[in-house]
Amino acid sequence: MNKKEDIINGLFSVMDRYEFSIITVTQIAQEAMVGRKTFYRHFKSKEDVLEEAIERLFVEYSSFQKNYYSAKFEVLIYSHFSFWNEHLYFLNLLYKNNLMLYLFKQYQKYVSLLNQDYLKSLKSETSASKYANAFTTGIFWSMLYTWIENGAKESPKEIATICLSLFRNRLLED
């Protein structure tokens, strides 16, 4: 592991025992077994460490095309929750520390990048694309938040089935 990864892992380790709001750079550096100078060489603050960790997860998520490019909504939801199911420890730390909005910010950034090819294939207008990205961000982030809030009891397949049935029922009503 490199120092940056050590610091990120150090933050999570400390977050397991203390609230994020009271964690100090010194605690993170000690847990990572690096000096404060090394910490500041890589990061400006503990918030920067958190943002870097979330950024890395979204880079990993976006590297799997099945996670974001499927004609079937059920496959998108299943892939999405399968990915996050592998990172429950991290999600629970964010939730426990009221830091889920950091995740939301990355959703806003990455959804537009992930939807780019799909929206081009639809020849969507710029304003429609913005709303499509906002819609996608809101749905996926809200579903993830609710899932974590309720203890992540449902499997990715169960979540996909629930969402698909909600959309089908809504479409049939109209």
N, C-alpha and C. Protein backbone atom coordinates (compact mmCIF):
# COMPACT_ATOMS: atom_id res chain seq x y z
N MET A 1 0.84 -1.20 0.00
CA MET A 1 0.00 0.00 0.00
C MET A 1 0.87 1.25 0.00
N ASN A 2 0.34 2.30 -0.60
CA ASN A 2 1.07 3.56 -0.55
C ASN A 2 0.56 4.41 0.61
N LYS A 3 1.22 5.50 0.86
CA LYS A 3 0.89 6.36 2.01
C LYS A 3 -0.54 6.90 1.94
N LYS A 4 -0.95 7.27 0.72
CA LYS A 4 -2.30 7.80 0.55
C LYS A 4 -3.35 6.77 0.97
N GLU A 5 -3.16 5.53 0.54
CA GLU A 5 -4.08 4.46 0.93
C GLU A 5 -4.02 4.21 2.43
N ASP A 6 -2.82 4.27 3.00
CA ASP A 6 -2.67 4.09 4.45
C ASP A 6 -3.48 5.15 5.20
N ILE A 7 -3.44 6.38 4.71
CA ILE A 7 -4.17 7.47 5.36
C ILE A 7 -5.67 7.26 5.23
N ILE A 8 -6.13 6.86 4.05
CA ILE A 8 -7.55 6.60 3.85
C ILE A 8 -8.01 5.49 4.79
N ASN A 9 -7.26 4.40 4.83
CA ASN A 9 -7.61 3.30 5.72
C ASN A 9 -7.53 3.71 7.18
N GLY A 10 -6.57 4.58 7.49
CA GLY A 10 -6.46 5.10 8.85
C GLY A 10 -7.71 5.88 9.25
N LEU A 11 -8.22 6.70 8.34
CA LEU A 11 -9.44 7.45 8.62
C LEU A 11 -10.59 6.50 8.93
N PHE A 12 -10.78 5.46 8.10
CA PHE A 12 -11.89 4.53 8.34
C PHE A 12 -11.74 3.80 9.66
N SER A 13 -10.53 3.45 9.97
CA SER A 13 -10.28 2.76 11.24
C SER A 13 -10.65 3.65 12.42
N VAL A 14 -10.28 4.91 12.35
CA VAL A 14 -10.61 5.85 13.43
C VAL A 14 -12.11 6.13 13.45
N MET A 15 -12.74 6.22 12.26
CA MET A 15 -14.19 6.45 12.18
C MET A 15 -14.98 5.30 12.78
N ASP A 16 -14.38 4.15 12.83
CA ASP A 16 -15.04 2.99 13.43
C ASP A 16 -15.20 3.18 14.94
N ARG A 17 -14.34 4.00 15.53
CA ARG A 17 -14.35 4.20 16.99
C ARG A 17 -14.84 5.58 17.42
N TYR A 18 -14.69 6.59 16.56
CA TYR A 18 -15.03 7.96 16.93
C TYR A 18 -15.91 8.61 15.86
N GLU A 19 -16.66 9.60 16.28
CA GLU A 19 -17.45 10.38 15.33
C GLU A 19 -16.50 11.20 14.45
N PHE A 20 -16.85 11.30 13.20
CA PHE A 20 -16.04 12.04 12.24
C PHE A 20 -15.79 13.48 12.71
N SER A 21 -16.80 14.09 13.27
CA SER A 21 -16.70 15.50 13.66
C SER A 21 -15.62 15.77 14.71
N ILE A 22 -15.26 14.76 15.50
CA ILE A 22 -14.25 14.98 16.54
C ILE A 22 -12.90 14.35 16.21
N ILE A 23 -12.81 13.70 15.07
CA ILE A 23 -11.55 13.08 14.66
C ILE A 23 -10.55 14.16 14.25
N THR A 24 -9.31 13.97 14.66
CA THR A 24 -8.26 14.93 14.32
C THR A 24 -7.31 14.33 13.28
N VAL A 25 -6.59 15.19 12.62
CA VAL A 25 -5.57 14.76 11.67
C VAL A 25 -4.52 13.93 12.39
N THR A 26 -4.18 14.30 13.59
CA THR A 26 -3.19 13.55 14.37
C THR A 26 -3.64 12.10 14.58
N GLN A 27 -4.92 11.90 14.91
CA GLN A 27 -5.44 10.54 15.10
C GLN A 27 -5.32 9.73 13.81
N ILE A 28 -5.69 10.36 12.70
CA ILE A 28 -5.64 9.67 11.41
C ILE A 28 -4.19 9.31 11.08
N ALA A 29 -3.28 10.26 11.25
CA ALA A 29 -1.86 10.04 10.94
C ALA A 29 -1.29 8.92 11.82
N GLN A 30 -1.62 8.94 13.10
CA GLN A 30 -1.14 7.89 14.00
C GLN A 30 -1.65 6.52 13.58
N GLU A 31 -2.93 6.46 13.24
CA GLU A 31 -3.53 5.18 12.82
C GLU A 31 -2.89 4.69 11.51
N ALA A 32 -2.55 5.62 10.62
CA ALA A 32 -1.93 5.28 9.34
C ALA A 32 -0.42 5.05 9.48
N MET A 33 0.09 5.34 10.67
CA MET A 33 1.52 5.22 10.94
C MET A 33 2.35 6.09 10.00
N VAL A 34 1.88 7.35 9.87
CA VAL A 34 2.61 8.37 9.11
C VAL A 34 2.67 9.63 9.96
N GLY A 35 3.58 10.51 9.62
CA GLY A 35 3.67 11.78 10.32
C GLY A 35 2.64 12.77 9.79
N ARG A 36 2.42 13.83 10.55
CA ARG A 36 1.48 14.86 10.12
C ARG A 36 1.95 15.51 8.82
N LYS A 37 3.27 15.68 8.66
CA LYS A 37 3.80 16.26 7.41
C LYS A 37 3.42 15.39 6.22
N THR A 38 3.52 14.09 6.39
CA THR A 38 3.16 13.16 5.31
C THR A 38 1.66 13.27 5.02
N PHE A 39 0.87 13.36 6.07
CA PHE A 39 -0.58 13.54 5.87
C PHE A 39 -0.82 14.78 5.00
N TYR A 40 -0.24 15.90 5.39
CA TYR A 40 -0.48 17.16 4.69
C TYR A 40 0.18 17.21 3.30
N ARG A 41 1.12 16.35 3.06
CA ARG A 41 1.70 16.25 1.73
C ARG A 41 0.67 15.67 0.75
N HIS A 42 -0.23 14.83 1.27
CA HIS A 42 -1.22 14.15 0.43
C HIS A 42 -2.62 14.76 0.51
N PHE A 43 -2.96 15.33 1.65
CA PHE A 43 -4.32 15.84 1.87
C PHE A 43 -4.29 17.16 2.62
N LYS A 44 -5.32 17.98 2.38
CA LYS A 44 -5.44 19.25 3.10
C LYS A 44 -6.17 19.09 4.42
N SER A 45 -7.07 18.10 4.47
CA SER A 45 -7.92 17.94 5.66
C SER A 45 -8.48 16.53 5.70
N LYS A 46 -9.16 16.21 6.78
CA LYS A 46 -9.80 14.89 6.88
C LYS A 46 -10.95 14.79 5.87
N GLU A 47 -11.57 15.92 5.54
CA GLU A 47 -12.63 15.93 4.53
C GLU A 47 -12.07 15.56 3.15
N ASP A 48 -10.85 16.02 2.87
CA ASP A 48 -10.20 15.64 1.61
C ASP A 48 -9.95 14.14 1.53
N VAL A 49 -9.59 13.55 2.66
CA VAL A 49 -9.38 12.10 2.71
C VAL A 49 -10.68 11.39 2.38
N LEU A 50 -11.76 11.84 2.98
CA LEU A 50 -13.07 11.25 2.75
C LEU A 50 -13.48 11.39 1.28
N GLU A 51 -13.29 12.57 0.73
CA GLU A 51 -13.64 12.81 -0.68
C GLU A 51 -12.82 11.92 -1.62
N GLU A 52 -11.56 11.75 -1.31
CA GLU A 52 -10.69 10.87 -2.12
C GLU A 52 -11.17 9.43 -2.06
N ALA A 53 -11.56 8.97 -0.89
CA ALA A 53 -12.05 7.59 -0.74
C ALA A 53 -13.32 7.38 -1.56
N ILE A 54 -14.22 8.34 -1.51
CA ILE A 54 -15.47 8.24 -2.27
C ILE A 54 -15.18 8.31 -3.76
N GLU A 55 -14.30 9.19 -4.15
CA GLU A 55 -13.89 9.31 -5.56
C GLU A 55 -13.36 7.96 -6.07
N ARG A 56 -12.53 7.31 -5.29
CA ARG A 56 -11.97 6.02 -5.70
C ARG A 56 -13.07 4.97 -5.89
N LEU A 57 -14.07 5.00 -5.02
CA LEU A 57 -15.17 4.06 -5.18
C LEU A 57 -15.94 4.30 -6.47
N PHE A 58 -16.17 5.56 -6.81
CA PHE A 58 -16.88 5.86 -8.05
C PHE A 58 -16.04 5.52 -9.28
N VAL A 59 -14.75 5.67 -9.19
CA VAL A 59 -13.88 5.26 -10.30
C VAL A 59 -13.98 3.75 -10.47
N GLU A 60 -13.96 3.03 -9.37
CA GLU A 60 -14.12 1.57 -9.43
C GLU A 60 -15.48 1.21 -10.00
N TYR A 61 -16.52 1.86 -9.53
CA TYR A 61 -17.88 1.60 -10.01
C TYR A 61 -17.99 1.85 -11.51
N SER A 62 -17.44 2.95 -11.96
CA SER A 62 -17.56 3.30 -13.38
C SER A 62 -16.72 2.42 -14.29
N SER A 63 -15.80 1.67 -13.72
CA SER A 63 -14.97 0.79 -14.55
C SER A 63 -15.72 -0.46 -15.01
N PHE A 64 -16.87 -0.71 -14.43
CA PHE A 64 -17.69 -1.86 -14.83
C PHE A 64 -18.88 -1.37 -15.64
N GLN A 65 -18.82 -1.56 -16.94
CA GLN A 65 -19.85 -1.04 -17.82
C GLN A 65 -21.25 -1.53 -17.45
N LYS A 66 -21.36 -2.76 -16.95
CA LYS A 66 -22.67 -3.30 -16.61
C LYS A 66 -23.35 -2.47 -15.51
N ASN A 67 -22.56 -1.71 -14.76
CA ASN A 67 -23.12 -0.92 -13.68
C ASN A 67 -23.94 0.26 -14.17
N TYR A 68 -23.72 0.67 -15.39
CA TYR A 68 -24.39 1.90 -15.81
C TYR A 68 -24.91 1.90 -17.24
N TYR A 69 -24.67 0.83 -17.98
CA TYR A 69 -25.14 0.86 -19.37
C TYR A 69 -25.88 -0.44 -19.68
N SER A 70 -27.15 -0.42 -19.43
CA SER A 70 -28.01 -1.56 -19.75
C SER A 70 -29.36 -1.01 -20.16
N ALA A 71 -29.99 -1.70 -21.09
CA ALA A 71 -31.32 -1.29 -21.52
C ALA A 71 -32.37 -1.65 -20.47
N LYS A 72 -32.02 -2.55 -19.59
CA LYS A 72 -32.98 -3.01 -18.57
C LYS A 72 -32.72 -2.30 -17.25
N PHE A 73 -33.74 -1.61 -16.79
CA PHE A 73 -33.64 -0.87 -15.53
C PHE A 73 -33.32 -1.82 -14.37
N GLU A 74 -33.89 -3.00 -14.40
CA GLU A 74 -33.67 -3.99 -13.34
C GLU A 74 -32.19 -4.36 -13.24
N VAL A 75 -31.52 -4.49 -14.38
CA VAL A 75 -30.09 -4.82 -14.39
C VAL A 75 -29.28 -3.67 -13.80
N LEU A 76 -29.64 -2.44 -14.14
CA LEU A 76 -28.94 -1.27 -13.58
C LEU A 76 -29.05 -1.24 -12.06
N ILE A 77 -30.25 -1.45 -11.56
CA ILE A 77 -30.46 -1.42 -10.10
C ILE A 77 -29.71 -2.57 -9.43
N TYR A 78 -29.84 -3.76 -9.99
CA TYR A 78 -29.16 -4.92 -9.43
C TYR A 78 -27.64 -4.68 -9.39
N SER A 79 -27.08 -4.22 -10.49
CA SER A 79 -25.63 -3.98 -10.56
C SER A 79 -25.20 -2.91 -9.56
N HIS A 80 -26.01 -1.86 -9.49
CA HIS A 80 -25.73 -0.77 -8.57
C HIS A 80 -25.66 -1.26 -7.12
N PHE A 81 -26.67 -1.99 -6.70
CA PHE A 81 -26.71 -2.46 -5.32
C PHE A 81 -25.73 -3.59 -5.06
N SER A 82 -25.41 -4.37 -6.08
CA SER A 82 -24.37 -5.40 -5.91
C SER A 82 -23.03 -4.74 -5.61
N PHE A 83 -22.74 -3.67 -6.34
CA PHE A 83 -21.49 -2.95 -6.08
C PHE A 83 -21.46 -2.40 -4.66
N TRP A 84 -22.51 -1.68 -4.28
CA TRP A 84 -22.52 -1.05 -2.95
C TRP A 84 -22.63 -2.08 -1.84
N ASN A 85 -23.22 -3.23 -2.12
CA ASN A 85 -23.29 -4.30 -1.14
C ASN A 85 -21.89 -4.77 -0.74
N GLU A 86 -20.97 -4.70 -1.69
CA GLU A 86 -19.57 -5.05 -1.40
C GLU A 86 -18.86 -3.99 -0.56
N HIS A 87 -19.47 -2.82 -0.43
CA HIS A 87 -18.86 -1.71 0.30
C HIS A 87 -19.75 -1.25 1.47
N LEU A 88 -20.46 -2.19 2.06
CA LEU A 88 -21.38 -1.86 3.16
C LEU A 88 -20.68 -1.25 4.36
N TYR A 89 -19.51 -1.74 4.67
CA TYR A 89 -18.76 -1.21 5.81
C TYR A 89 -18.57 0.30 5.64
N PHE A 90 -18.12 0.69 4.46
CA PHE A 90 -17.89 2.09 4.16
C PHE A 90 -19.19 2.89 4.22
N LEU A 91 -20.24 2.38 3.58
CA LEU A 91 -21.54 3.06 3.59
C LEU A 91 -22.07 3.24 5.00
N ASN A 92 -21.93 2.22 5.81
CA ASN A 92 -22.41 2.32 7.19
C ASN A 92 -21.63 3.36 7.99
N LEU A 93 -20.34 3.47 7.72
CA LEU A 93 -19.55 4.51 8.39
C LEU A 93 -20.03 5.90 7.97
N LEU A 94 -20.29 6.07 6.67
CA LEU A 94 -20.81 7.36 6.20
C LEU A 94 -22.15 7.67 6.85
N TYR A 95 -23.02 6.70 6.86
CA TYR A 95 -24.36 6.90 7.42
C TYR A 95 -24.28 7.23 8.92
N LYS A 96 -23.52 6.44 9.64
CA LYS A 96 -23.37 6.62 11.09
C LYS A 96 -22.84 8.01 11.44
N ASN A 97 -22.06 8.58 10.55
CA ASN A 97 -21.43 9.88 10.79
C ASN A 97 -22.11 11.03 10.05
N ASN A 98 -23.31 10.79 9.53
CA ASN A 98 -24.07 11.82 8.80
C ASN A 98 -23.25 12.42 7.65
N LEU A 99 -22.60 11.56 6.89
CA LEU A 99 -21.73 12.02 5.80
C LEU A 99 -22.20 11.55 4.42
N MET A 100 -23.44 11.11 4.34
CA MET A 100 -23.94 10.59 3.07
C MET A 100 -24.00 11.67 1.97
N LEU A 101 -24.05 12.94 2.36
CA LEU A 101 -24.07 13.99 1.35
C LEU A 101 -22.77 14.05 0.54
N TYR A 102 -21.68 13.59 1.13
CA TYR A 102 -20.42 13.50 0.38
C TYR A 102 -20.60 12.51 -0.79
N LEU A 103 -21.32 11.44 -0.51
CA LEU A 103 -21.61 10.46 -1.55
C LEU A 103 -22.52 11.05 -2.62
N PHE A 104 -23.51 11.82 -2.18
CA PHE A 104 -24.44 12.46 -3.11
C PHE A 104 -23.69 13.37 -4.09
N LYS A 105 -22.71 14.11 -3.59
CA LYS A 105 -21.93 15.00 -4.47
C LYS A 105 -21.20 14.21 -5.55
N GLN A 106 -20.69 13.05 -5.21
CA GLN A 106 -20.02 12.23 -6.21
C GLN A 106 -21.02 11.64 -7.19
N TYR A 107 -22.21 11.31 -6.71
CA TYR A 107 -23.27 10.87 -7.63
C TYR A 107 -23.52 11.95 -8.67
N GLN A 108 -23.65 13.18 -8.21
CA GLN A 108 -23.91 14.28 -9.14
C GLN A 108 -22.82 14.39 -10.20
N LYS A 109 -21.61 14.20 -9.79
CA LYS A 109 -20.47 14.29 -10.71
C LYS A 109 -20.45 13.10 -11.68
N TYR A 110 -20.58 11.90 -11.16
CA TYR A 110 -20.38 10.71 -11.98
C TYR A 110 -21.59 10.31 -12.81
N VAL A 111 -22.79 10.58 -12.36
CA VAL A 111 -23.96 10.18 -13.14
C VAL A 111 -23.94 10.84 -14.51
N SER A 112 -23.58 12.11 -14.57
CA SER A 112 -23.54 12.77 -15.88
C SER A 112 -22.47 12.14 -16.78
N LEU A 113 -21.36 11.72 -16.21
CA LEU A 113 -20.31 11.05 -17.00
C LEU A 113 -20.77 9.67 -17.45
N LEU A 114 -21.41 8.95 -16.55
CA LEU A 114 -21.85 7.59 -16.87
C LEU A 114 -23.02 7.58 -17.86
N ASN A 115 -23.87 8.58 -17.79
CA ASN A 115 -25.04 8.66 -18.68
C ASN A 115 -24.70 9.26 -20.05
N GLN A 116 -23.53 9.80 -20.19
CA GLN A 116 -23.16 10.56 -21.39
C GLN A 116 -23.41 9.78 -22.68
N ASP A 117 -22.89 8.58 -22.80
CA ASP A 117 -23.06 7.79 -24.03
C ASP A 117 -24.52 7.41 -24.24
N TYR A 118 -25.17 7.03 -23.16
CA TYR A 118 -26.58 6.63 -23.26
C TYR A 118 -27.43 7.80 -23.76
N LEU A 119 -27.23 8.97 -23.20
CA LEU A 119 -28.01 10.14 -23.60
C LEU A 119 -27.69 10.57 -25.03
N LYS A 120 -26.43 10.40 -25.45
CA LYS A 120 -26.07 10.70 -26.84
C LYS A 120 -26.81 9.78 -27.79
N SER A 121 -26.92 8.50 -27.39
CA SER A 121 -27.61 7.53 -28.26
C SER A 121 -29.08 7.87 -28.42
N LEU A 122 -29.65 8.58 -27.45
CA LEU A 122 -31.04 9.00 -27.53
C LEU A 122 -31.19 10.33 -28.26
N LYS A 123 -30.04 10.96 -28.55
CA LYS A 123 -30.01 12.30 -29.17
C LYS A 123 -30.83 13.27 -28.31
N SER A 124 -30.56 13.20 -27.03
CA SER A 124 -31.28 14.01 -26.05
C SER A 124 -30.79 15.46 -26.06
N GLU A 125 -31.70 16.39 -25.84
CA GLU A 125 -31.35 17.81 -25.74
C GLU A 125 -30.56 18.04 -24.46
N THR A 126 -29.77 19.11 -24.44
CA THR A 126 -28.95 19.43 -23.27
C THR A 126 -29.79 19.60 -22.02
N SER A 127 -30.90 20.34 -22.11
CA SER A 127 -31.72 20.56 -20.91
C SER A 127 -32.37 19.25 -20.46
N ALA A 128 -32.78 18.41 -21.40
CA ALA A 128 -33.35 17.11 -21.03
C ALA A 128 -32.30 16.23 -20.37
N SER A 129 -31.06 16.31 -20.86
CA SER A 129 -29.97 15.53 -20.28
C SER A 129 -29.72 15.92 -18.82
N LYS A 130 -29.76 17.22 -18.55
CA LYS A 130 -29.55 17.68 -17.18
C LYS A 130 -30.60 17.10 -16.24
N TYR A 131 -31.86 17.10 -16.69
CA TYR A 131 -32.93 16.57 -15.86
C TYR A 131 -32.85 15.04 -15.75
N ALA A 132 -32.44 14.40 -16.82
CA ALA A 132 -32.27 12.94 -16.78
C ALA A 132 -31.18 12.58 -15.76
N ASN A 133 -30.10 13.34 -15.74
CA ASN A 133 -29.02 13.09 -14.78
C ASN A 133 -29.48 13.37 -13.35
N ALA A 134 -30.23 14.43 -13.16
CA ALA A 134 -30.75 14.75 -11.82
C ALA A 134 -31.72 13.67 -11.36
N PHE A 135 -32.56 13.21 -12.25
CA PHE A 135 -33.52 12.14 -11.94
C PHE A 135 -32.77 10.87 -11.52
N THR A 136 -31.78 10.49 -12.32
CA THR A 136 -31.00 9.28 -12.03
C THR A 136 -30.26 9.42 -10.70
N THR A 137 -29.63 10.56 -10.49
CA THR A 137 -28.90 10.81 -9.24
C THR A 137 -29.85 10.69 -8.05
N GLY A 138 -30.97 11.36 -8.14
CA GLY A 138 -31.93 11.36 -7.04
C GLY A 138 -32.45 9.99 -6.71
N ILE A 139 -32.81 9.24 -7.72
CA ILE A 139 -33.36 7.90 -7.48
C ILE A 139 -32.31 6.98 -6.87
N PHE A 140 -31.15 6.89 -7.51
CA PHE A 140 -30.15 5.95 -7.03
C PHE A 140 -29.62 6.32 -5.65
N TRP A 141 -29.36 7.61 -5.43
CA TRP A 141 -28.86 8.01 -4.11
C TRP A 141 -29.93 7.81 -3.04
N SER A 142 -31.16 8.19 -3.32
CA SER A 142 -32.24 8.03 -2.33
C SER A 142 -32.50 6.57 -2.00
N MET A 143 -32.48 5.73 -3.02
CA MET A 143 -32.66 4.30 -2.77
C MET A 143 -31.53 3.75 -1.92
N LEU A 144 -30.31 4.15 -2.23
CA LEU A 144 -29.15 3.69 -1.46
C LEU A 144 -29.25 4.17 -0.01
N TYR A 145 -29.59 5.43 0.16
CA TYR A 145 -29.72 6.00 1.50
C TYR A 145 -30.77 5.24 2.31
N THR A 146 -31.93 5.01 1.71
CA THR A 146 -33.02 4.30 2.40
C THR A 146 -32.61 2.88 2.73
N TRP A 147 -31.91 2.24 1.82
CA TRP A 147 -31.43 0.88 2.03
C TRP A 147 -30.49 0.81 3.24
N ILE A 148 -29.54 1.75 3.31
CA ILE A 148 -28.59 1.79 4.43
C ILE A 148 -29.32 2.14 5.72
N GLU A 149 -30.20 3.11 5.64
CA GLU A 149 -30.98 3.55 6.81
C GLU A 149 -31.77 2.40 7.42
N ASN A 150 -32.23 1.48 6.58
CA ASN A 150 -33.02 0.34 7.05
C ASN A 150 -32.19 -0.92 7.28
N GLY A 151 -30.89 -0.77 7.35
CA GLY A 151 -30.02 -1.88 7.70
C GLY A 151 -29.58 -2.75 6.54
N ALA A 152 -29.80 -2.32 5.32
CA ALA A 152 -29.37 -3.05 4.12
C ALA A 152 -29.81 -4.51 4.17
N LYS A 153 -31.04 -4.73 4.55
CA LYS A 153 -31.57 -6.09 4.73
C LYS A 153 -31.87 -6.79 3.41
N GLU A 154 -32.32 -6.01 2.42
CA GLU A 154 -32.69 -6.62 1.15
C GLU A 154 -31.46 -6.89 0.30
N SER A 155 -31.52 -7.96 -0.46
CA SER A 155 -30.43 -8.28 -1.38
C SER A 155 -30.54 -7.36 -2.61
N PRO A 156 -29.48 -7.24 -3.39
CA PRO A 156 -29.57 -6.45 -4.61
C PRO A 156 -30.70 -6.92 -5.53
N LYS A 157 -30.90 -8.22 -5.60
CA LYS A 157 -31.99 -8.76 -6.43
C LYS A 157 -33.35 -8.33 -5.89
N GLU A 158 -33.52 -8.36 -4.58
CA GLU A 158 -34.80 -7.93 -3.98
C GLU A 158 -35.06 -6.44 -4.22
N ILE A 159 -34.03 -5.63 -4.10
CA ILE A 159 -34.18 -4.19 -4.36
C ILE A 159 -34.58 -3.96 -5.82
N ALA A 160 -33.92 -4.65 -6.74
CA ALA A 160 -34.25 -4.50 -8.16
C ALA A 160 -35.69 -4.90 -8.43
N THR A 161 -36.12 -5.97 -7.82
CA THR A 161 -37.51 -6.44 -8.00
C THR A 161 -38.51 -5.44 -7.43
N ILE A 162 -38.21 -4.90 -6.26
CA ILE A 162 -39.09 -3.90 -5.63
C ILE A 162 -39.22 -2.67 -6.54
N CYS A 163 -38.10 -2.16 -7.00
CA CYS A 163 -38.11 -0.95 -7.84
C CYS A 163 -38.84 -1.19 -9.15
N LEU A 164 -38.56 -2.32 -9.76
CA LEU A 164 -39.22 -2.62 -11.02
C LEU A 164 -40.73 -2.73 -10.85
N SER A 165 -41.16 -3.34 -9.76
CA SER A 165 -42.61 -3.46 -9.53
C SER A 165 -43.22 -2.08 -9.27
N LEU A 166 -42.51 -1.19 -8.60
CA LEU A 166 -43.01 0.17 -8.38
C LEU A 166 -43.19 0.91 -9.70
N PHE A 167 -42.21 0.79 -10.58
CA PHE A 167 -42.31 1.45 -11.88
C PHE A 167 -43.41 0.85 -12.73
N ARG A 168 -43.50 -0.46 -12.71
CA ARG A 168 -44.56 -1.12 -13.50
C ARG A 168 -45.94 -0.70 -13.00
N ASN A 169 -46.13 -0.70 -11.69
CA ASN A 169 -47.42 -0.30 -11.13
C ASN A 169 -47.76 1.14 -11.49
N ARG A 170 -46.78 2.02 -11.45
CA ARG A 170 -46.99 3.42 -11.78
C ARG A 170 -47.34 3.58 -13.26
N LEU A 171 -46.63 2.85 -14.10
CA LEU A 171 -46.87 2.95 -15.53
C LEU A 171 -48.24 2.39 -15.90
N LEU A 172 -48.67 1.36 -15.20
CA LEU A 172 -49.97 0.76 -15.50
C LEU A 172 -51.12 1.65 -15.05
N GLU A 173 -50.88 2.48 -14.03
CA GLU A 173 -51.93 3.38 -13.54
C GLU A 173 -52.24 4.47 -14.54
N ASP A 174 -51.25 4.92 -15.30
CA ASP A 174 -51.44 6.03 -16.25
C ASP A 174 -52.11 5.63 -17.52
